[in-house]
Amino acid sequence: GILLNNVTGISDYKITDAIDPVGTVVSTDGECIVVRKDFPANTVPELLKLTAKEPNRYKIASVLGGIMHYYAVRLNDLGGKMTIVDAGGTNDRIAALKGGHCDVIVNTIGTIWSYVKSGDFKVLAMTSEKRSTVPEYKDIPTCKEQGVDLAPVLEYNMLMKKGTDPQIIEKLAAAVKKVSENPEYQKEIDKAYQQKPFVLSPKDSLARLNAQFDMFNKYRSQFTK
């Protein structure tokens, strides 16, 4: 999300000009594309085809400048024709979908699963490279399985202000690595957030952030329409 601030025009500088990374700390299994149970599409290709037939009739909830904004832009880039609305954070998007104020949201699986089990929502696909290893979610297909090229890697980074003493960064990076190797920590973040340790050094993390910025920047004109 922080990389998109510049791409979407929220900031006039790249985030890597303002921060020093301590490192990348975890990665996630991705998000899921969610609609109400009665929505007339059961796969992402069906969603794209349906919305293309009636441009701008259907709304996809986003949050300006966040990763959900990227998902919305990319789904339209892949053939959809949805109106992108800024609906706020995770719970706000869920409320917007349940209340009929939007037609599509992209959220982490854990945040919407109770609504799937209650029969309010259905998941069209996961945005991960592979299906989830969590037994409860293993039958949910990925976008790629459905022939849709949408699988950005979602990662979390520890960041500090530009110019921070390198010794402080090195000490924190070592602590991050130590924690990531703790089996109890690994179990807890998988259970709570479907995340897994994915640790990169400060140098490698900076290179990865710059590469991801370049990926997002390809769609700058669509973000700023």
Protein backbone atom coordinates (compact mmCIF):
# COMPACT_ATOMS: atom_id res chain seq x y z
CA GLY A 1 0.00 0.00 0.00
CA ILE A 2 2.71 2.53 0.84
CA LEU A 3 4.21 2.13 -2.62
CA LEU A 4 0.94 3.21 -4.21
CA ASN A 5 0.91 6.64 -2.53
CA ASN A 6 3.09 8.09 -5.25
CA VAL A 7 1.48 6.16 -8.09
CA THR A 8 -1.98 7.41 -7.15
CA GLY A 9 -0.84 10.99 -6.57
CA ILE A 10 -1.29 11.05 -2.79
CA SER A 11 2.41 11.87 -2.34
CA ASP A 12 4.90 13.59 -4.63
CA TYR A 13 7.82 11.35 -3.64
CA LYS A 14 8.64 7.65 -3.74
CA ILE A 15 8.36 6.00 -0.36
CA THR A 16 11.90 4.64 -0.75
CA ASP A 17 13.11 8.26 -0.78
CA ALA A 18 11.66 8.74 2.70
CA ILE A 19 12.40 5.46 4.49
CA ASP A 20 15.15 2.96 5.18
CA PRO A 21 13.88 -0.63 5.23
CA VAL A 22 14.81 -2.84 8.14
CA GLY A 23 13.62 -5.71 5.99
CA THR A 24 10.70 -7.66 4.63
CA VAL A 25 9.21 -9.69 7.46
CA VAL A 26 6.23 -11.78 6.28
CA SER A 27 4.21 -12.66 3.20
CA THR A 28 0.53 -13.57 2.93
CA ASP A 29 -1.56 -16.09 1.04
CA GLY A 30 -3.17 -13.21 -0.84
CA GLU A 31 -6.69 -11.83 -0.78
CA CYS A 32 -10.02 -13.06 -2.09
CA ILE A 33 -12.52 -11.54 -4.52
CA VAL A 34 -15.90 -11.52 -2.81
CA VAL A 35 -19.50 -10.86 -3.87
CA ARG A 36 -22.91 -11.36 -2.30
CA LYS A 37 -24.37 -14.85 -2.52
CA ASP A 38 -26.96 -13.85 -5.14
CA PHE A 39 -24.48 -12.07 -7.44
CA PRO A 40 -24.84 -13.41 -11.03
CA ALA A 41 -21.21 -14.58 -11.38
CA ASN A 42 -19.39 -17.50 -9.81
CA THR A 43 -15.88 -17.00 -11.20
CA VAL A 44 -13.64 -14.06 -11.94
CA PRO A 45 -13.93 -14.51 -15.74
CA GLU A 46 -17.73 -14.42 -15.33
CA LEU A 47 -17.38 -11.24 -13.25
CA LEU A 48 -15.27 -9.56 -15.92
CA LYS A 49 -17.64 -10.58 -18.70
CA LEU A 50 -20.73 -9.48 -16.77
CA THR A 51 -19.38 -6.05 -15.87
CA ALA A 52 -18.03 -5.48 -19.39
CA LYS A 53 -21.55 -5.89 -20.78
CA GLU A 54 -22.88 -3.08 -18.58
CA PRO A 55 -20.00 -0.64 -18.01
CA ASN A 56 -20.00 1.15 -14.65
CA ARG A 57 -23.23 -0.45 -13.43
CA TYR A 58 -21.39 -2.56 -10.88
CA LYS A 59 -19.27 -1.06 -8.10
CA ILE A 60 -16.08 -2.44 -6.62
CA ALA A 61 -15.15 -1.10 -3.18
CA SER A 62 -11.60 0.11 -2.76
CA VAL A 63 -9.55 2.32 -0.48
CA LEU A 64 -7.78 5.18 -2.23
CA GLY A 65 -4.07 4.56 -2.56
CA GLY A 66 -4.16 1.10 -0.98
CA ILE A 67 -3.52 -2.36 -2.37
CA MET A 68 -7.29 -2.81 -2.84
CA HIS A 69 -7.17 0.12 -5.25
CA TYR A 70 -4.61 -1.82 -7.27
CA TYR A 71 -6.85 -4.89 -7.39
CA ALA A 72 -9.76 -2.80 -8.66
CA VAL A 73 -7.65 -1.15 -11.36
CA ARG A 74 -6.20 -4.48 -12.46
CA LEU A 75 -9.61 -6.19 -12.67
CA ASN A 76 -10.77 -3.41 -14.99
CA ASP A 77 -7.51 -3.65 -16.91
CA LEU A 78 -8.20 -7.36 -17.39
CA GLY A 79 -11.55 -6.68 -19.02
CA GLY A 80 -13.93 -5.60 -16.29
CA LYS A 81 -15.78 -2.30 -16.42
CA MET A 82 -16.61 -1.55 -12.80
CA THR A 83 -16.93 1.78 -11.03
CA ILE A 84 -14.23 2.03 -8.39
CA VAL A 85 -15.51 3.56 -5.14
CA ASP A 86 -13.51 4.53 -2.07
CA ALA A 87 -15.28 2.62 0.71
CA GLY A 88 -12.61 2.72 3.42
CA GLY A 89 -10.97 -0.03 5.43
CA THR A 90 -11.63 -3.74 5.82
CA ASN A 91 -14.77 -3.57 7.96
CA ASP A 92 -16.17 -0.65 5.95
CA ARG A 93 -15.88 -2.66 2.74
CA ILE A 94 -17.64 -5.62 4.33
CA ALA A 95 -20.47 -3.36 5.50
CA ALA A 96 -20.71 -1.79 2.03
CA LEU A 97 -21.04 -5.20 0.38
CA LYS A 98 -23.53 -6.57 2.89
CA GLY A 99 -25.60 -3.40 2.68
CA GLY A 100 -25.72 -3.42 -1.11
CA HIS A 101 -23.71 -0.23 -1.51
CA CYS A 102 -21.17 -2.03 -3.69
CA ASP A 103 -21.08 -5.32 -5.58
CA VAL A 104 -17.50 -6.55 -5.21
CA ILE A 105 -14.81 -6.31 -2.53
CA VAL A 106 -11.31 -7.72 -2.16
CA ASN A 107 -10.48 -8.72 1.42
CA THR A 108 -8.37 -11.19 3.33
CA ILE A 109 -10.13 -14.51 3.65
CA GLY A 110 -10.29 -14.46 7.45
CA THR A 111 -12.25 -11.21 7.51
CA ILE A 112 -15.11 -12.46 5.34
CA TRP A 113 -15.24 -16.18 6.09
CA SER A 114 -18.01 -15.95 8.68
CA TYR A 115 -20.17 -14.24 6.04
CA VAL A 116 -19.43 -17.04 3.60
CA LYS A 117 -20.46 -19.65 6.16
CA SER A 118 -23.63 -17.72 6.98
CA GLY A 119 -24.60 -17.64 3.30
CA ASP A 120 -24.29 -13.87 2.83
CA PHE A 121 -21.15 -13.87 0.65
CA LYS A 122 -19.38 -16.11 -1.82
CA VAL A 123 -15.71 -16.12 -2.85
CA LEU A 124 -14.98 -16.09 -6.58
CA ALA A 125 -11.25 -16.73 -6.24
CA MET A 126 -8.09 -16.15 -4.22
CA THR A 127 -5.39 -13.82 -5.54
CA SER A 128 -2.55 -16.01 -4.30
CA GLU A 129 -0.12 -17.95 -6.50
CA LYS A 130 -1.34 -21.24 -5.01
CA ARG A 131 -4.39 -22.41 -3.10
CA SER A 132 -4.40 -21.87 0.63
CA THR A 133 -2.96 -24.63 2.79
CA VAL A 134 -5.63 -23.94 5.44
CA PRO A 135 -8.05 -26.92 5.23
CA GLU A 136 -11.14 -24.70 5.44
CA TYR A 137 -10.08 -22.71 2.37
CA LYS A 138 -8.41 -25.38 0.25
CA ASP A 139 -11.32 -25.68 -2.21
CA ILE A 140 -11.19 -22.01 -3.22
CA PRO A 141 -9.52 -21.68 -6.65
CA THR A 142 -6.96 -19.02 -7.48
CA CYS A 143 -7.41 -16.37 -10.15
CA LYS A 144 -4.62 -18.00 -12.13
CA GLU A 145 -6.47 -21.32 -12.11
CA GLN A 146 -9.35 -19.46 -13.73
CA GLY A 147 -7.06 -17.99 -16.39
CA VAL A 148 -6.84 -14.53 -14.82
CA ASP A 149 -3.36 -13.10 -14.32
CA LEU A 150 -3.83 -11.50 -10.91
CA ALA A 151 -1.52 -12.68 -8.14
CA PRO A 152 0.51 -9.85 -6.59
CA VAL A 153 2.69 -10.96 -3.73
CA LEU A 154 1.58 -9.23 -0.54
CA GLU A 155 4.37 -8.60 1.91
CA TYR A 156 4.87 -6.64 5.09
CA ASN A 157 7.98 -4.56 5.69
CA MET A 158 9.54 -3.00 8.76
CA LEU A 159 10.56 0.56 7.92
CA MET A 160 12.41 3.43 9.58
CA LYS A 161 12.95 7.09 8.81
CA LYS A 162 15.53 7.86 6.12
CA GLY A 163 18.96 8.39 7.62
CA THR A 164 18.48 6.10 10.64
CA ASP A 165 21.77 4.89 12.11
CA PRO A 166 22.74 1.73 10.14
CA GLN A 167 23.71 -0.02 13.39
CA ILE A 168 20.15 0.38 14.68
CA ILE A 169 18.77 -1.05 11.44
CA GLU A 170 21.19 -3.98 11.56
CA LYS A 171 20.24 -4.76 15.16
CA LEU A 172 16.52 -4.71 14.36
CA ALA A 173 17.05 -6.82 11.23
CA ALA A 174 18.82 -9.46 13.32
CA ALA A 175 15.96 -9.43 15.84
CA VAL A 176 13.40 -9.85 13.04
CA LYS A 177 15.29 -12.86 11.72
CA LYS A 178 15.42 -14.41 15.19
CA VAL A 179 11.70 -13.94 15.82
CA SER A 180 10.81 -15.31 12.36
CA GLU A 181 12.56 -18.57 13.23
CA ASN A 182 10.47 -19.05 16.38
CA PRO A 183 7.97 -21.92 15.80
CA GLU A 184 5.39 -20.39 18.16
CA TYR A 185 5.47 -17.11 16.23
CA GLN A 186 5.15 -18.97 12.91
CA LYS A 187 2.12 -20.86 14.18
CA GLU A 188 0.40 -17.76 15.56
CA ILE A 189 0.71 -15.54 12.47
CA ASP A 190 -0.48 -18.38 10.25
CA LYS A 191 -3.51 -18.96 12.46
CA ALA A 192 -4.43 -15.29 12.88
CA TYR A 193 -3.53 -13.80 9.50
CA GLN A 194 -2.63 -16.63 7.10
CA GLN A 195 0.88 -15.17 6.97
CA LYS A 196 4.26 -16.85 6.83
CA PRO A 197 7.72 -15.55 7.72
CA PHE A 198 9.49 -14.18 4.67
CA VAL A 199 12.61 -12.34 5.73
CA LEU A 200 14.81 -10.23 3.48
CA SER A 201 17.81 -8.13 4.47
CA PRO A 202 17.59 -4.33 4.38
CA LYS A 203 19.43 -4.25 1.04
CA ASP A 204 17.32 -6.98 -0.56
CA SER A 205 14.13 -5.49 0.84
CA LEU A 206 14.92 -2.10 -0.72
CA ALA A 207 15.55 -3.73 -4.10
CA ARG A 208 12.27 -5.61 -3.85
CA LEU A 209 10.31 -2.49 -2.90
CA ASN A 210 11.73 -0.64 -5.89
CA ALA A 211 10.82 -3.53 -8.22
CA GLN A 212 7.28 -3.64 -6.84
CA PHE A 213 6.96 0.12 -7.29
CA ASP A 214 7.89 -0.28 -10.95
CA MET A 215 5.19 -2.96 -11.31
CA PHE A 216 2.51 -0.67 -9.84
CA ASN A 217 3.77 2.35 -11.77
CA LYS A 218 2.88 0.69 -15.08
CA TYR A 219 -0.76 1.41 -14.24
CA ARG A 220 -0.27 5.05 -13.14
CA SER A 221 -2.56 6.47 -15.83
CA GLN A 222 -5.40 4.19 -14.73
CA PHE A 223 -4.99 5.10 -11.05
CA THR A 224 -5.22 8.80 -11.79
CA LYS A 225 -8.16 8.82 -14.21
